[in-house]
Amino acid sequence: MGLSQQQLAHLVELSRATINELEMGKLKDLSARRIERLANELGFAVGLVGTLRPKGRGALKVAAGIASVPYKAEMPASALFDSLKAGVVAPAYIPHLRTLLDEAPVAILAEIADELESHGLPKLATWKRMGMLAGVLRCDRPLWQSLAK
């Protein structure tokens, strides 16, 4: 995601030293409350690795579905791909993309970055583009403020 240790620490309300020890494999103990906070902010449930989705459905298709739940018109996966590739969203899909960036589990956003990488778009560039779009769309999720620093 391109977050520094300090940014992640701020996002999950832990110290940078704790994040450093966790990253280095030196952390001897982390309370269940802290584990849950870290996992939840990164889009995971404690004890669950990855995200669940039907086989054969790419992350873009799943994400477009998540973005479309509150709206009558569905955002096609191709429109989501185009928005994330170019950094520009079609006016009809602005609410959809705002919903996705504000509410989708971080694990889904990570899977989108992975899928776009298979199309030749570097992960870090995708995260930066998502962060830029989140800023333009006035998303208030703490993740985007952390990535902007």
C-alpha atoms as a PDB file:
ATOM      1  CA  MET A   1       0.000   0.000   0.000  1.00  0.00           C
ATOM      2  CA  GLY A   2       3.004   2.262   0.307  1.00  0.00           C
ATOM      3  CA  LEU A   3       2.297   3.242   3.928  1.00  0.00           C
ATOM      4  CA  SER A   4       5.213   4.086   6.171  1.00  0.00           C
ATOM      5  CA  GLN A   5       5.404   2.460   9.578  1.00  0.00           C
ATOM      6  CA  GLN A   6       4.398   5.793  11.130  1.00  0.00           C
ATOM      7  CA  GLN A   7       1.368   6.129   8.834  1.00  0.00           C
ATOM      8  CA  LEU A   8       0.177   2.591   9.597  1.00  0.00           C
ATOM      9  CA  ALA A   9       0.769   3.133  13.300  1.00  0.00           C
ATOM     10  CA  HIS A  10      -1.362   6.284  13.232  1.00  0.00           C
ATOM     11  CA  LEU A  11      -4.073   4.545  11.213  1.00  0.00           C
ATOM     12  CA  VAL A  12      -4.422   1.632  13.661  1.00  0.00           C
ATOM     13  CA  GLU A  13      -3.582   3.620  16.804  1.00  0.00           C
ATOM     14  CA  LEU A  14      -0.432   1.685  17.666  1.00  0.00           C
ATOM     15  CA  SER A  15       3.095   2.959  18.162  1.00  0.00           C
ATOM     16  CA  ARG A  16       5.567   3.001  15.300  1.00  0.00           C
ATOM     17  CA  ALA A  17       7.844   0.841  17.466  1.00  0.00           C
ATOM     18  CA  THR A  18       5.094  -1.808  17.733  1.00  0.00           C
ATOM     19  CA  ILE A  19       4.615  -1.795  13.949  1.00  0.00           C
ATOM     20  CA  ASN A  20       8.390  -2.059  13.490  1.00  0.00           C
ATOM     21  CA  GLU A  21       8.638  -5.016  15.890  1.00  0.00           C
ATOM     22  CA  LEU A  22       5.673  -6.695  14.182  1.00  0.00           C
ATOM     23  CA  GLU A  23       7.238  -6.199  10.756  1.00  0.00           C
ATOM     24  CA  MET A  24      10.611  -7.514  11.936  1.00  0.00           C
ATOM     25  CA  GLY A  25       9.065 -10.580  13.608  1.00  0.00           C
ATOM     26  CA  LYS A  26      10.351  -9.460  17.003  1.00  0.00           C
ATOM     27  CA  LEU A  27       7.033  -8.707  18.662  1.00  0.00           C
ATOM     28  CA  LYS A  28       6.537 -11.221  21.443  1.00  0.00           C
ATOM     29  CA  ASP A  29       2.947 -10.372  22.351  1.00  0.00           C
ATOM     30  CA  LEU A  30       0.133  -8.314  20.910  1.00  0.00           C
ATOM     31  CA  SER A  31      -3.201  -8.097  22.688  1.00  0.00           C
ATOM     32  CA  ALA A  32      -6.314  -9.468  21.022  1.00  0.00           C
ATOM     33  CA  ARG A  33      -7.720  -5.921  20.935  1.00  0.00           C
ATOM     34  CA  ARG A  34      -4.671  -4.652  19.035  1.00  0.00           C
ATOM     35  CA  ILE A  35      -4.669  -7.631  16.674  1.00  0.00           C
ATOM     36  CA  GLU A  36      -8.342  -7.056  15.932  1.00  0.00           C
ATOM     37  CA  ARG A  37      -7.818  -3.315  15.335  1.00  0.00           C
ATOM     38  CA  LEU A  38      -4.906  -3.941  12.971  1.00  0.00           C
ATOM     39  CA  ALA A  39      -6.685  -6.732  11.094  1.00  0.00           C
ATOM     40  CA  ASN A  40      -9.917  -4.765  10.755  1.00  0.00           C
ATOM     41  CA  GLU A  41      -8.200  -1.644   9.445  1.00  0.00           C
ATOM     42  CA  LEU A  42      -6.376  -3.742   6.858  1.00  0.00           C
ATOM     43  CA  GLY A  43      -9.632  -5.380   5.783  1.00  0.00           C
ATOM     44  CA  PHE A  44      -9.281  -8.754   7.471  1.00  0.00           C
ATOM     45  CA  ALA A  45     -11.131 -10.520  10.221  1.00  0.00           C
ATOM     46  CA  VAL A  46      -9.066 -12.161  12.915  1.00  0.00           C
ATOM     47  CA  GLY A  47      -8.471 -15.749  11.833  1.00  0.00           C
ATOM     48  CA  LEU A  48      -9.359 -15.074   8.198  1.00  0.00           C
ATOM     49  CA  VAL A  49      -6.668 -14.723   5.580  1.00  0.00           C
ATOM     50  CA  GLY A  50      -7.671 -13.016   2.363  1.00  0.00           C
ATOM     51  CA  THR A  51     -11.151 -12.274   1.144  1.00  0.00           C
ATOM     52  CA  LEU A  52     -13.945 -14.603   0.165  1.00  0.00           C
ATOM     53  CA  ARG A  53     -15.400 -14.363  -3.313  1.00  0.00           C
ATOM     54  CA  PRO A  54     -16.800 -16.767  -5.879  1.00  0.00           C
ATOM     55  CA  LYS A  55     -14.247 -18.543  -8.063  1.00  0.00           C
ATOM     56  CA  GLY A  56     -13.758 -16.979 -11.451  1.00  0.00           C
ATOM     57  CA  ARG A  57     -14.815 -13.507 -10.339  1.00  0.00           C
ATOM     58  CA  GLY A  58     -11.989 -11.027 -10.533  1.00  0.00           C
ATOM     59  CA  ALA A  59     -11.405  -8.366  -7.914  1.00  0.00           C
ATOM     60  CA  LEU A  60     -12.599  -5.616 -10.273  1.00  0.00           C
ATOM     61  CA  LYS A  61     -15.927  -7.375 -10.806  1.00  0.00           C
ATOM     62  CA  VAL A  62     -16.394  -7.935  -7.067  1.00  0.00           C
ATOM     63  CA  ALA A  63     -15.396  -4.335  -6.306  1.00  0.00           C
ATOM     64  CA  ALA A  64     -17.761  -2.942  -8.956  1.00  0.00           C
ATOM     65  CA  GLY A  65     -20.540  -4.947  -7.311  1.00  0.00           C
ATOM     66  CA  ILE A  66     -19.653  -3.549  -3.878  1.00  0.00           C
ATOM     67  CA  ALA A  67     -19.610  -0.031  -5.310  1.00  0.00           C
ATOM     68  CA  SER A  68     -23.028  -0.542  -6.896  1.00  0.00           C
ATOM     69  CA  VAL A  69     -24.984  -1.897  -3.914  1.00  0.00           C
ATOM     70  CA  PRO A  70     -26.586   1.409  -2.872  1.00  0.00           C
ATOM     71  CA  TYR A  71     -27.379   2.553  -6.425  1.00  0.00           C
ATOM     72  CA  LYS A  72     -29.937   1.688  -9.070  1.00  0.00           C
ATOM     73  CA  ALA A  73     -27.420   1.700 -11.926  1.00  0.00           C
ATOM     74  CA  GLU A  74     -24.585  -0.795 -11.680  1.00  0.00           C
ATOM     75  CA  MET A  75     -21.001   0.254 -12.301  1.00  0.00           C
ATOM     76  CA  PRO A  76     -19.419  -2.120 -14.820  1.00  0.00           C
ATOM     77  CA  ALA A  77     -16.033  -3.586 -13.927  1.00  0.00           C
ATOM     78  CA  SER A  78     -14.682  -2.033 -17.143  1.00  0.00           C
ATOM     79  CA  ALA A  79     -15.671   1.459 -15.913  1.00  0.00           C
ATOM     80  CA  LEU A  80     -13.910   0.805 -12.616  1.00  0.00           C
ATOM     81  CA  PHE A  81     -10.810  -0.407 -14.469  1.00  0.00           C
ATOM     82  CA  ASP A  82     -10.815   2.691 -16.689  1.00  0.00           C
ATOM     83  CA  SER A  83     -11.237   5.004 -13.681  1.00  0.00           C
ATOM     84  CA  LEU A  84      -8.387   3.421 -11.749  1.00  0.00           C
ATOM     85  CA  LYS A  85      -6.136   3.261 -14.793  1.00  0.00           C
ATOM     86  CA  ALA A  86      -6.636   6.864 -15.894  1.00  0.00           C
ATOM     87  CA  GLY A  87      -7.370   8.489 -12.530  1.00  0.00           C
ATOM     88  CA  VAL A  88     -10.572   9.973 -13.936  1.00  0.00           C
ATOM     89  CA  VAL A  89     -14.084   8.763 -13.197  1.00  0.00           C
ATOM     90  CA  ALA A  90     -17.113   9.140 -15.452  1.00  0.00           C
ATOM     91  CA  PRO A  91     -19.656  11.476 -13.802  1.00  0.00           C
ATOM     92  CA  ALA A  92     -22.314   8.732 -13.662  1.00  0.00           C
ATOM     93  CA  TYR A  93     -20.015   6.589 -11.494  1.00  0.00           C
ATOM     94  CA  ILE A  94     -18.692   9.210  -9.061  1.00  0.00           C
ATOM     95  CA  PRO A  95     -21.000   8.030  -6.226  1.00  0.00           C
ATOM     96  CA  HIS A  96     -20.063   4.407  -6.910  1.00  0.00           C
ATOM     97  CA  LEU A  97     -16.341   5.050  -6.716  1.00  0.00           C
ATOM     98  CA  ARG A  98     -16.752   7.175  -3.577  1.00  0.00           C
ATOM     99  CA  THR A  99     -18.672   4.302  -1.939  1.00  0.00           C
ATOM    100  CA  LEU A 100     -15.992   1.801  -2.945  1.00  0.00           C
ATOM    101  CA  LEU A 101     -13.096   3.914  -1.676  1.00  0.00           C
ATOM    102  CA  ASP A 102     -14.871   4.763   1.580  1.00  0.00           C
ATOM    103  CA  GLU A 103     -16.407   1.383   2.433  1.00  0.00           C
ATOM    104  CA  ALA A 104     -14.783  -1.582   0.684  1.00  0.00           C
ATOM    105  CA  PRO A 105     -12.521  -3.788   2.793  1.00  0.00           C
ATOM    106  CA  VAL A 106      -8.884  -2.863   2.325  1.00  0.00           C
ATOM    107  CA  ALA A 107      -8.272  -6.472   1.269  1.00  0.00           C
ATOM    108  CA  ILE A 108     -10.527  -5.908  -1.771  1.00  0.00           C
ATOM    109  CA  LEU A 109      -8.644  -2.718  -2.629  1.00  0.00           C
ATOM    110  CA  ALA A 110      -5.400  -4.693  -2.349  1.00  0.00           C
ATOM    111  CA  GLU A 111      -6.783  -7.369  -4.680  1.00  0.00           C
ATOM    112  CA  ILE A 112      -7.711  -4.635  -7.173  1.00  0.00           C
ATOM    113  CA  ALA A 113      -4.104  -3.385  -7.072  1.00  0.00           C
ATOM    114  CA  ASP A 114      -2.911  -6.967  -7.648  1.00  0.00           C
ATOM    115  CA  GLU A 115      -5.289  -7.432 -10.579  1.00  0.00           C
ATOM    116  CA  LEU A 116      -4.274  -4.128 -12.172  1.00  0.00           C
ATOM    117  CA  GLU A 117      -0.631  -5.139 -11.815  1.00  0.00           C
ATOM    118  CA  SER A 118      -1.403  -8.123 -14.050  1.00  0.00           C
ATOM    119  CA  HIS A 119      -2.476  -5.507 -16.637  1.00  0.00           C
ATOM    120  CA  GLY A 120       0.880  -3.736 -16.374  1.00  0.00           C
ATOM    121  CA  LEU A 121      -0.049  -1.107 -13.777  1.00  0.00           C
ATOM    122  CA  PRO A 122       2.337  -1.099 -10.783  1.00  0.00           C
ATOM    123  CA  LYS A 123       0.653  -1.671  -7.405  1.00  0.00           C
ATOM    124  CA  LEU A 124       2.090   1.421  -5.774  1.00  0.00           C
ATOM    125  CA  ALA A 125       0.899   3.598  -8.658  1.00  0.00           C
ATOM    126  CA  THR A 126      -2.592   2.100  -8.301  1.00  0.00           C
ATOM    127  CA  TRP A 127      -2.624   2.851  -4.559  1.00  0.00           C
ATOM    128  CA  LYS A 128      -1.513   6.417  -5.255  1.00  0.00           C
ATOM    129  CA  ARG A 129      -4.201   6.808  -7.915  1.00  0.00           C
ATOM    130  CA  MET A 130      -6.858   5.449  -5.548  1.00  0.00           C
ATOM    131  CA  GLY A 131      -5.641   7.883  -2.891  1.00  0.00           C
ATOM    132  CA  MET A 132      -5.747  10.780  -5.325  1.00  0.00           C
ATOM    133  CA  LEU A 133      -9.277   9.851  -6.401  1.00  0.00           C
ATOM    134  CA  ALA A 134     -10.311   9.518  -2.756  1.00  0.00           C
ATOM    135  CA  GLY A 135      -9.061  13.049  -2.150  1.00  0.00           C
ATOM    136  CA  VAL A 136     -10.874  14.453  -5.164  1.00  0.00           C
ATOM    137  CA  LEU A 137     -14.058  12.609  -4.184  1.00  0.00           C
ATOM    138  CA  ARG A 138     -13.707  13.842  -0.574  1.00  0.00           C
ATOM    139  CA  CYS A 139     -13.609  10.394   0.967  1.00  0.00           C
ATOM    140  CA  ASP A 140     -13.084  10.623   4.714  1.00  0.00           C
ATOM    141  CA  ARG A 141     -11.649   7.160   5.366  1.00  0.00           C
ATOM    142  CA  PRO A 142      -8.522   7.452   7.554  1.00  0.00           C
ATOM    143  CA  LEU A 143      -6.631   5.175   5.144  1.00  0.00           C
ATOM    144  CA  TRP A 144      -6.577   7.870   2.470  1.00  0.00           C
ATOM    145  CA  GLN A 145      -5.389  10.571   4.835  1.00  0.00           C
ATOM    146  CA  SER A 146      -2.562   8.228   5.899  1.00  0.00           C
ATOM    147  CA  LEU A 147      -1.551   7.536   2.295  1.00  0.00           C
ATOM    148  CA  ALA A 148      -1.578  11.263   1.494  1.00  0.00           C
ATOM    149  CA  LYS A 149       1.126  11.990   4.113  1.00  0.00           C
END
